[in-house]
Amino acid sequence: MQKQRIIDFWVGVFILCGFAAILFLALKAGNMGSFSSSGTYSVEAKFDNIGGLKVRAPVKSAGVVIGRVGKIRFDPVSFQAVVVLNIENDYQFPKDTSAKILTSGLLGEQYVGFEPGGDEANLVQGSVIKSTQSAVVLESLISQFLYNKAADGPATPEK
């Protein structure tokens, strides 16, 4: 009887470890793996094209995650995507910081990259980043390349 209780205990421990592993993987897959103890401040950036950028995508500077994308909406007046970026209070950036939508690897996840400027004043809650660069869409690059090749005309063999 005592041996059965020990086996039951270890089976329970094994099942709890399995649930913890599944929870960990779910948080990582949902981009919720990092919980910050410090607060955040929100800034906005307008982009012509955000590609496949999603809410909770990382905001990075020099490869370090400094925040997350908080909200994405469409501005019907300027016809641009407005991206709300939640930056951790630990990281302060100049007002003339630029934001780019970049891709990890060739077909990886998209994220927002910050390049700090040289202004004396820092971004604060509600600031708007003026200098932005939209996402590079692979399909448009390919179509532009093909269009340019077609405009050049057929290649003629040399004699």
N, C-alpha and C. Protein backbone atom coordinates (compact mmCIF):
# COMPACT_ATOMS: atom_id res chain seq x y z
N MET A 1 0.83 -1.20 0.00
CA MET A 1 0.00 0.00 0.00
C MET A 1 0.86 1.25 0.00
N GLN A 2 1.92 1.24 0.81
CA GLN A 2 2.82 2.38 0.89
C GLN A 2 3.52 2.60 -0.45
N LYS A 3 3.90 1.51 -1.14
CA LYS A 3 4.58 1.62 -2.42
C LYS A 3 3.64 2.24 -3.47
N GLN A 4 2.38 1.91 -3.42
CA GLN A 4 1.40 2.48 -4.36
C GLN A 4 1.25 3.99 -4.16
N ARG A 5 1.28 4.45 -2.93
CA ARG A 5 1.16 5.88 -2.64
C ARG A 5 2.38 6.64 -3.18
N ILE A 6 3.56 6.05 -3.07
CA ILE A 6 4.77 6.69 -3.58
C ILE A 6 4.69 6.80 -5.10
N ILE A 7 4.24 5.76 -5.76
CA ILE A 7 4.09 5.78 -7.23
C ILE A 7 3.07 6.84 -7.63
N ASP A 8 1.95 6.89 -6.92
CA ASP A 8 0.93 7.90 -7.21
C ASP A 8 1.48 9.32 -7.03
N PHE A 9 2.29 9.52 -6.00
CA PHE A 9 2.90 10.83 -5.77
C PHE A 9 3.78 11.23 -6.94
N TRP A 10 4.65 10.34 -7.40
CA TRP A 10 5.56 10.67 -8.49
C TRP A 10 4.82 10.85 -9.82
N VAL A 11 3.76 10.11 -10.02
CA VAL A 11 2.94 10.31 -11.23
C VAL A 11 2.31 11.71 -11.18
N GLY A 12 1.84 12.13 -10.02
CA GLY A 12 1.27 13.47 -9.87
C GLY A 12 2.31 14.56 -10.13
N VAL A 13 3.51 14.37 -9.62
CA VAL A 13 4.59 15.34 -9.85
C VAL A 13 4.91 15.41 -11.34
N PHE A 14 4.95 14.27 -12.01
CA PHE A 14 5.24 14.23 -13.45
C PHE A 14 4.15 14.97 -14.24
N ILE A 15 2.90 14.77 -13.87
CA ILE A 15 1.79 15.45 -14.57
C ILE A 15 1.86 16.95 -14.33
N LEU A 16 2.16 17.40 -13.12
CA LEU A 16 2.30 18.83 -12.83
C LEU A 16 3.43 19.46 -13.64
N CYS A 17 4.54 18.74 -13.76
CA CYS A 17 5.65 19.24 -14.59
C CYS A 17 5.23 19.35 -16.05
N GLY A 18 4.44 18.40 -16.52
CA GLY A 18 3.93 18.47 -17.90
C GLY A 18 3.04 19.67 -18.12
N PHE A 19 2.14 19.96 -17.18
CA PHE A 19 1.28 21.15 -17.28
C PHE A 19 2.11 22.44 -17.25
N ALA A 20 3.14 22.48 -16.41
CA ALA A 20 4.00 23.66 -16.34
C ALA A 20 4.73 23.86 -17.66
N ALA A 21 5.20 22.78 -18.27
CA ALA A 21 5.89 22.88 -19.56
C ALA A 21 4.94 23.37 -20.65
N ILE A 22 3.71 22.89 -20.66
CA ILE A 22 2.72 23.34 -21.66
C ILE A 22 2.39 24.81 -21.46
N LEU A 23 2.24 25.25 -20.22
CA LEU A 23 1.97 26.66 -19.94
C LEU A 23 3.14 27.53 -20.40
N PHE A 24 4.36 27.09 -20.14
CA PHE A 24 5.55 27.83 -20.57
C PHE A 24 5.57 27.96 -22.10
N LEU A 25 5.31 26.88 -22.81
CA LEU A 25 5.31 26.93 -24.28
C LEU A 25 4.19 27.82 -24.81
N ALA A 26 3.04 27.78 -24.17
CA ALA A 26 1.93 28.64 -24.61
C ALA A 26 2.27 30.11 -24.43
N LEU A 27 2.91 30.46 -23.32
CA LEU A 27 3.31 31.86 -23.10
C LEU A 27 4.37 32.29 -24.09
N LYS A 28 5.32 31.43 -24.39
CA LYS A 28 6.35 31.77 -25.37
C LYS A 28 5.74 31.92 -26.76
N ALA A 29 4.84 31.04 -27.13
CA ALA A 29 4.21 31.11 -28.46
C ALA A 29 3.34 32.36 -28.59
N GLY A 30 2.75 32.80 -27.49
CA GLY A 30 1.90 33.98 -27.51
C GLY A 30 2.66 35.27 -27.27
N ASN A 31 3.99 35.20 -27.26
CA ASN A 31 4.83 36.38 -27.04
C ASN A 31 4.56 37.04 -25.70
N MET A 32 4.20 36.24 -24.71
CA MET A 32 3.91 36.78 -23.39
C MET A 32 4.89 36.26 -22.35
N GLY A 33 6.03 35.80 -22.80
CA GLY A 33 6.99 35.17 -21.92
C GLY A 33 7.70 36.12 -20.98
N SER A 34 7.74 37.40 -21.32
CA SER A 34 8.45 38.34 -20.45
C SER A 34 7.46 39.26 -19.77
N PHE A 35 7.47 39.22 -18.48
CA PHE A 35 6.64 40.10 -17.70
C PHE A 35 7.54 41.10 -17.00
N SER A 36 7.30 42.36 -17.21
CA SER A 36 8.15 43.39 -16.65
C SER A 36 7.57 43.89 -15.34
N SER A 37 8.44 44.09 -14.37
CA SER A 37 7.97 44.61 -13.09
C SER A 37 7.86 46.14 -13.12
N SER A 38 8.62 46.77 -14.03
CA SER A 38 8.55 48.23 -14.11
C SER A 38 7.38 48.64 -15.02
N GLY A 39 6.94 49.87 -14.89
CA GLY A 39 5.83 50.36 -15.69
C GLY A 39 6.28 50.68 -17.10
N THR A 40 5.34 51.14 -17.90
CA THR A 40 5.64 51.49 -19.28
C THR A 40 5.06 52.86 -19.60
N TYR A 41 5.58 53.46 -20.66
CA TYR A 41 4.99 54.67 -21.21
C TYR A 41 4.70 54.39 -22.68
N SER A 42 3.62 54.98 -23.19
CA SER A 42 3.16 54.71 -24.55
C SER A 42 3.53 55.84 -25.49
N VAL A 43 4.03 55.46 -26.65
CA VAL A 43 4.29 56.42 -27.72
C VAL A 43 3.62 55.89 -28.99
N GLU A 44 3.34 56.78 -29.92
CA GLU A 44 2.69 56.39 -31.17
C GLU A 44 3.64 56.59 -32.33
N ALA A 45 3.46 55.76 -33.35
CA ALA A 45 4.20 55.89 -34.60
C ALA A 45 3.26 55.56 -35.74
N LYS A 46 3.32 56.34 -36.82
CA LYS A 46 2.47 56.10 -37.99
C LYS A 46 3.30 55.49 -39.11
N PHE A 47 2.75 54.44 -39.71
CA PHE A 47 3.43 53.73 -40.79
C PHE A 47 2.51 53.62 -41.99
N ASP A 48 3.08 53.68 -43.20
CA ASP A 48 2.30 53.47 -44.42
C ASP A 48 1.92 52.01 -44.58
N ASN A 49 2.80 51.10 -44.16
CA ASN A 49 2.54 49.67 -44.28
C ASN A 49 3.20 48.96 -43.11
N ILE A 50 2.42 48.21 -42.34
CA ILE A 50 2.99 47.50 -41.19
C ILE A 50 3.26 46.04 -41.50
N GLY A 51 2.97 45.59 -42.72
CA GLY A 51 3.24 44.20 -43.08
C GLY A 51 2.48 43.25 -42.17
N GLY A 52 3.20 42.31 -41.55
CA GLY A 52 2.58 41.33 -40.66
C GLY A 52 2.80 41.63 -39.20
N LEU A 53 3.05 42.90 -38.86
CA LEU A 53 3.26 43.27 -37.46
C LEU A 53 2.00 42.98 -36.65
N LYS A 54 2.18 42.44 -35.47
CA LYS A 54 1.05 42.07 -34.62
C LYS A 54 1.19 42.71 -33.24
N VAL A 55 0.05 42.80 -32.55
CA VAL A 55 0.05 43.25 -31.16
C VAL A 55 0.89 42.27 -30.35
N ARG A 56 1.64 42.78 -29.38
CA ARG A 56 2.57 42.05 -28.52
C ARG A 56 3.89 41.73 -29.20
N ALA A 57 4.10 42.22 -30.43
CA ALA A 57 5.40 42.05 -31.09
C ALA A 57 6.44 42.86 -30.32
N PRO A 58 7.68 42.41 -30.30
CA PRO A 58 8.69 43.14 -29.54
C PRO A 58 9.09 44.47 -30.17
N VAL A 59 9.49 45.40 -29.32
CA VAL A 59 10.13 46.65 -29.74
C VAL A 59 11.57 46.51 -29.27
N LYS A 60 12.53 46.63 -30.21
CA LYS A 60 13.93 46.39 -29.88
C LYS A 60 14.78 47.60 -30.22
N SER A 61 15.85 47.75 -29.47
CA SER A 61 16.89 48.71 -29.79
C SER A 61 18.21 48.02 -29.52
N ALA A 62 19.09 48.00 -30.51
CA ALA A 62 20.39 47.31 -30.41
C ALA A 62 20.20 45.84 -30.07
N GLY A 63 19.10 45.24 -30.51
CA GLY A 63 18.84 43.83 -30.27
C GLY A 63 18.22 43.50 -28.94
N VAL A 64 18.02 44.50 -28.09
CA VAL A 64 17.45 44.28 -26.75
C VAL A 64 15.97 44.64 -26.78
N VAL A 65 15.14 43.77 -26.22
CA VAL A 65 13.71 44.04 -26.16
C VAL A 65 13.47 45.14 -25.12
N ILE A 66 12.91 46.26 -25.56
CA ILE A 66 12.68 47.41 -24.68
C ILE A 66 11.19 47.67 -24.45
N GLY A 67 10.35 46.91 -25.13
CA GLY A 67 8.92 47.11 -24.99
C GLY A 67 8.15 46.19 -25.91
N ARG A 68 6.86 46.46 -26.04
CA ARG A 68 5.97 45.64 -26.87
C ARG A 68 5.00 46.54 -27.62
N VAL A 69 4.49 46.03 -28.74
CA VAL A 69 3.44 46.73 -29.47
C VAL A 69 2.16 46.57 -28.67
N GLY A 70 1.53 47.70 -28.33
CA GLY A 70 0.34 47.66 -27.49
C GLY A 70 -0.95 47.62 -28.27
N LYS A 71 -1.01 48.35 -29.38
CA LYS A 71 -2.26 48.47 -30.12
C LYS A 71 -1.94 48.89 -31.55
N ILE A 72 -2.74 48.43 -32.48
CA ILE A 72 -2.62 48.82 -33.89
C ILE A 72 -4.00 49.24 -34.36
N ARG A 73 -4.06 50.43 -34.96
CA ARG A 73 -5.34 50.90 -35.50
C ARG A 73 -5.10 51.64 -36.81
N PHE A 74 -6.16 51.86 -37.55
CA PHE A 74 -6.09 52.56 -38.83
C PHE A 74 -6.59 53.97 -38.66
N ASP A 75 -5.84 54.95 -39.16
CA ASP A 75 -6.24 56.35 -39.11
C ASP A 75 -6.95 56.68 -40.41
N PRO A 76 -8.29 56.92 -40.37
CA PRO A 76 -9.04 57.17 -41.61
C PRO A 76 -8.73 58.53 -42.25
N VAL A 77 -8.07 59.42 -41.53
CA VAL A 77 -7.74 60.74 -42.08
C VAL A 77 -6.45 60.67 -42.90
N SER A 78 -5.39 60.11 -42.31
CA SER A 78 -4.10 60.04 -42.99
C SER A 78 -3.93 58.74 -43.79
N PHE A 79 -4.85 57.78 -43.62
CA PHE A 79 -4.79 56.48 -44.29
C PHE A 79 -3.49 55.75 -43.96
N GLN A 80 -3.10 55.83 -42.70
CA GLN A 80 -1.91 55.15 -42.22
C GLN A 80 -2.27 54.27 -41.02
N ALA A 81 -1.40 53.32 -40.75
CA ALA A 81 -1.54 52.50 -39.55
C ALA A 81 -0.89 53.23 -38.38
N VAL A 82 -1.61 53.34 -37.28
CA VAL A 82 -1.07 53.96 -36.07
C VAL A 82 -0.74 52.83 -35.10
N VAL A 83 0.53 52.75 -34.72
CA VAL A 83 1.00 51.70 -33.83
C VAL A 83 1.34 52.32 -32.48
N VAL A 84 0.71 51.82 -31.42
CA VAL A 84 1.00 52.28 -30.06
C VAL A 84 2.06 51.35 -29.48
N LEU A 85 3.18 51.94 -29.06
CA LEU A 85 4.31 51.18 -28.55
C LEU A 85 4.43 51.42 -27.04
N ASN A 86 4.41 50.35 -26.27
CA ASN A 86 4.57 50.44 -24.82
C ASN A 86 6.03 50.18 -24.48
N ILE A 87 6.74 51.23 -24.09
CA ILE A 87 8.17 51.15 -23.79
C ILE A 87 8.36 51.11 -22.28
N GLU A 88 9.24 50.23 -21.82
CA GLU A 88 9.50 50.11 -20.38
C GLU A 88 10.14 51.40 -19.86
N ASN A 89 9.76 51.79 -18.66
CA ASN A 89 10.28 53.01 -18.04
C ASN A 89 11.79 53.00 -17.86
N ASP A 90 12.39 51.82 -17.82
CA ASP A 90 13.84 51.72 -17.65
C ASP A 90 14.60 52.29 -18.84
N TYR A 91 13.93 52.39 -19.99
CA TYR A 91 14.58 52.82 -21.22
C TYR A 91 14.03 54.17 -21.66
N GLN A 92 14.90 55.17 -21.73
CA GLN A 92 14.52 56.51 -22.16
C GLN A 92 15.20 56.80 -23.50
N PHE A 93 14.43 57.34 -24.44
CA PHE A 93 14.94 57.63 -25.77
C PHE A 93 14.71 59.09 -26.12
N PRO A 94 15.61 59.68 -26.92
CA PRO A 94 15.43 61.07 -27.36
C PRO A 94 14.17 61.23 -28.21
N LYS A 95 13.66 62.45 -28.26
CA LYS A 95 12.43 62.74 -29.02
C LYS A 95 12.59 62.48 -30.51
N ASP A 96 13.80 62.61 -31.05
CA ASP A 96 13.98 62.40 -32.48
C ASP A 96 14.37 60.96 -32.83
N THR A 97 13.99 60.03 -31.98
CA THR A 97 14.21 58.61 -32.25
C THR A 97 13.39 58.20 -33.47
N SER A 98 13.97 57.31 -34.29
CA SER A 98 13.23 56.80 -35.45
C SER A 98 12.82 55.35 -35.19
N ALA A 99 11.72 54.96 -35.83
CA ALA A 99 11.18 53.60 -35.67
C ALA A 99 11.07 52.94 -37.04
N LYS A 100 11.49 51.69 -37.12
CA LYS A 100 11.42 50.91 -38.35
C LYS A 100 10.74 49.58 -38.05
N ILE A 101 10.01 49.08 -39.02
CA ILE A 101 9.47 47.72 -38.90
C ILE A 101 10.45 46.80 -39.59
N LEU A 102 11.01 45.88 -38.82
CA LEU A 102 12.04 44.98 -39.32
C LEU A 102 11.58 43.53 -39.19
N THR A 103 12.32 42.63 -39.82
CA THR A 103 11.99 41.21 -39.79
C THR A 103 13.18 40.43 -39.25
N SER A 104 12.92 39.50 -38.35
CA SER A 104 13.97 38.61 -37.85
C SER A 104 14.22 37.53 -38.89
N GLY A 105 15.37 37.56 -39.51
CA GLY A 105 15.68 36.58 -40.54
C GLY A 105 14.94 36.88 -41.83
N LEU A 106 14.93 35.93 -42.74
CA LEU A 106 14.31 36.14 -44.05
C LEU A 106 12.79 36.13 -43.97
N LEU A 107 12.23 35.18 -43.24
CA LEU A 107 10.77 35.07 -43.13
C LEU A 107 10.32 35.01 -41.67
N GLY A 108 11.08 35.58 -40.77
CA GLY A 108 10.78 35.51 -39.34
C GLY A 108 9.73 36.50 -38.91
N GLU A 109 9.58 36.62 -37.60
CA GLU A 109 8.59 37.53 -37.03
C GLU A 109 8.99 38.98 -37.27
N GLN A 110 8.02 39.85 -37.33
CA GLN A 110 8.30 41.26 -37.50
C GLN A 110 8.30 41.94 -36.15
N TYR A 111 9.14 42.97 -36.02
CA TYR A 111 9.24 43.73 -34.79
C TYR A 111 9.54 45.18 -35.13
N VAL A 112 9.43 46.06 -34.14
CA VAL A 112 9.72 47.47 -34.34
C VAL A 112 11.12 47.73 -33.79
N GLY A 113 11.97 48.33 -34.61
CA GLY A 113 13.33 48.66 -34.21
C GLY A 113 13.46 50.16 -33.95
N PHE A 114 14.06 50.51 -32.83
CA PHE A 114 14.29 51.91 -32.47
C PHE A 114 15.73 52.28 -32.79
N GLU A 115 15.92 53.46 -33.39
CA GLU A 115 17.25 54.04 -33.56
C GLU A 115 17.24 55.38 -32.87
N PRO A 116 17.98 55.52 -31.76
CA PRO A 116 17.94 56.77 -31.01
C PRO A 116 18.54 57.93 -31.79
N GLY A 117 17.99 59.10 -31.54
CA GLY A 117 18.50 60.33 -32.15
C GLY A 117 19.44 61.04 -31.19
N GLY A 118 19.55 62.36 -31.33
CA GLY A 118 20.46 63.12 -30.50
C GLY A 118 19.82 64.26 -29.74
N ASP A 119 18.49 64.30 -29.69
CA ASP A 119 17.79 65.39 -29.02
C ASP A 119 18.04 65.34 -27.51
N GLU A 120 17.98 66.49 -26.89
CA GLU A 120 18.16 66.58 -25.43
C GLU A 120 16.93 66.08 -24.68
N ALA A 121 15.74 66.37 -25.23
CA ALA A 121 14.49 65.95 -24.57
C ALA A 121 14.18 64.50 -24.92
N ASN A 122 13.55 63.80 -23.98
CA ASN A 122 13.21 62.40 -24.17
C ASN A 122 11.75 62.21 -24.54
N LEU A 123 11.45 61.04 -25.10
CA LEU A 123 10.07 60.65 -25.35
C LEU A 123 9.35 60.52 -24.02
N VAL A 124 8.09 60.95 -23.98
CA VAL A 124 7.27 60.82 -22.78
C VAL A 124 5.95 60.19 -23.16
N GLN A 125 5.12 59.91 -22.19
CA GLN A 125 3.79 59.35 -22.41
C GLN A 125 3.05 60.19 -23.45
N GLY A 126 2.56 59.55 -24.52
CA GLY A 126 1.77 60.24 -25.53
C GLY A 126 2.58 60.86 -26.65
N SER A 127 3.90 60.75 -26.63
CA SER A 127 4.72 61.31 -27.70
C SER A 127 4.43 60.59 -29.02
N VAL A 128 4.70 61.30 -30.12
CA VAL A 128 4.53 60.73 -31.45
C VAL A 128 5.90 60.70 -32.12
N ILE A 129 6.29 59.53 -32.60
CA ILE A 129 7.55 59.38 -33.32
C ILE A 129 7.31 59.82 -34.76
N LYS A 130 8.04 60.82 -35.20
CA LYS A 130 7.83 61.41 -36.54
C LYS A 130 8.54 60.62 -37.63
N SER A 131 9.74 60.15 -37.36
CA SER A 131 10.54 59.47 -38.37
C SER A 131 10.29 57.96 -38.31
N THR A 132 9.58 57.44 -39.31
CA THR A 132 9.27 56.01 -39.35
C THR A 132 9.62 55.44 -40.72
N GLN A 133 9.86 54.15 -40.73
CA GLN A 133 10.09 53.44 -41.99
C GLN A 133 9.22 52.20 -41.97
N SER A 134 8.39 52.06 -43.02
CA SER A 134 7.44 50.96 -43.09
C SER A 134 8.13 49.63 -43.33
N ALA A 135 7.33 48.57 -43.21
CA ALA A 135 7.83 47.22 -43.43
C ALA A 135 8.17 47.01 -44.90
N VAL A 136 9.19 46.21 -45.13
CA VAL A 136 9.55 45.82 -46.49
C VAL A 136 8.75 44.56 -46.80
N VAL A 137 7.90 44.65 -47.81
CA VAL A 137 7.06 43.52 -48.18
C VAL A 137 7.73 42.77 -49.32
N LEU A 138 8.03 41.50 -49.10
CA LEU A 138 8.78 40.69 -50.05
C LEU A 138 8.08 40.62 -51.41
N GLU A 139 6.76 40.51 -51.40
CA GLU A 139 6.02 40.40 -52.67
C GLU A 139 6.19 41.66 -53.52
N SER A 140 6.17 42.83 -52.88
CA SER A 140 6.32 44.08 -53.66
C SER A 140 7.74 44.21 -54.20
N LEU A 141 8.74 43.74 -53.46
CA LEU A 141 10.11 43.77 -53.97
C LEU A 141 10.26 42.88 -55.19
N ILE A 142 9.67 41.70 -55.14
CA ILE A 142 9.74 40.77 -56.27
C ILE A 142 9.02 41.35 -57.48
N SER A 143 7.82 41.90 -57.27
CA SER A 143 7.07 42.46 -58.40
C SER A 143 7.79 43.67 -58.98
N GLN A 144 8.42 44.48 -58.16
CA GLN A 144 9.17 45.63 -58.66
C GLN A 144 10.38 45.17 -59.48
N PHE A 145 11.06 44.13 -59.02
CA PHE A 145 12.18 43.58 -59.77
C PHE A 145 11.73 43.05 -61.12
N LEU A 146 10.61 42.31 -61.14
CA LEU A 146 10.11 41.77 -62.40
C LEU A 146 9.65 42.87 -63.34
N TYR A 147 9.03 43.90 -62.80
CA TYR A 147 8.58 45.03 -63.61
C TYR A 147 9.78 45.74 -64.24
N ASN A 148 10.83 45.95 -63.47
CA ASN A 148 12.03 46.60 -64.00
C ASN A 148 12.69 45.75 -65.08
N LYS A 149 12.71 44.44 -64.91
CA LYS A 149 13.27 43.54 -65.92
C LYS A 149 12.45 43.58 -67.19
N ALA A 150 11.13 43.64 -67.05
CA ALA A 150 10.25 43.69 -68.24
C ALA A 150 10.41 45.02 -68.95
N ALA A 151 10.63 46.10 -68.21
CA ALA A 151 10.79 47.42 -68.82
C ALA A 151 12.11 47.52 -69.60
N ASP A 152 13.10 46.75 -69.21
CA ASP A 152 14.39 46.76 -69.91
C ASP A 152 14.27 46.13 -71.30
N GLY A 153 13.27 45.32 -71.50
CA GLY A 153 13.09 44.67 -72.80
C GLY A 153 13.81 43.33 -72.83
N PRO A 154 13.60 42.60 -73.91
CA PRO A 154 14.23 41.28 -74.01
C PRO A 154 15.75 41.44 -74.22
N ALA A 155 16.47 40.50 -73.65
CA ALA A 155 17.91 40.50 -73.80
C ALA A 155 18.26 40.06 -75.21
N THR A 156 19.16 40.78 -75.86
CA THR A 156 19.58 40.41 -77.23
C THR A 156 20.93 39.75 -77.16
N PRO A 157 21.08 38.65 -77.87
CA PRO A 157 22.39 37.97 -77.85
C PRO A 157 23.44 38.80 -78.59
N GLU A 158 24.66 38.72 -78.11
CA GLU A 158 25.75 39.46 -78.73
C GLU A 158 26.27 38.68 -79.92
N LYS A 159 26.73 39.45 -80.96
CA LYS A 159 27.23 38.81 -82.18
C LYS A 159 28.71 38.85 -82.26
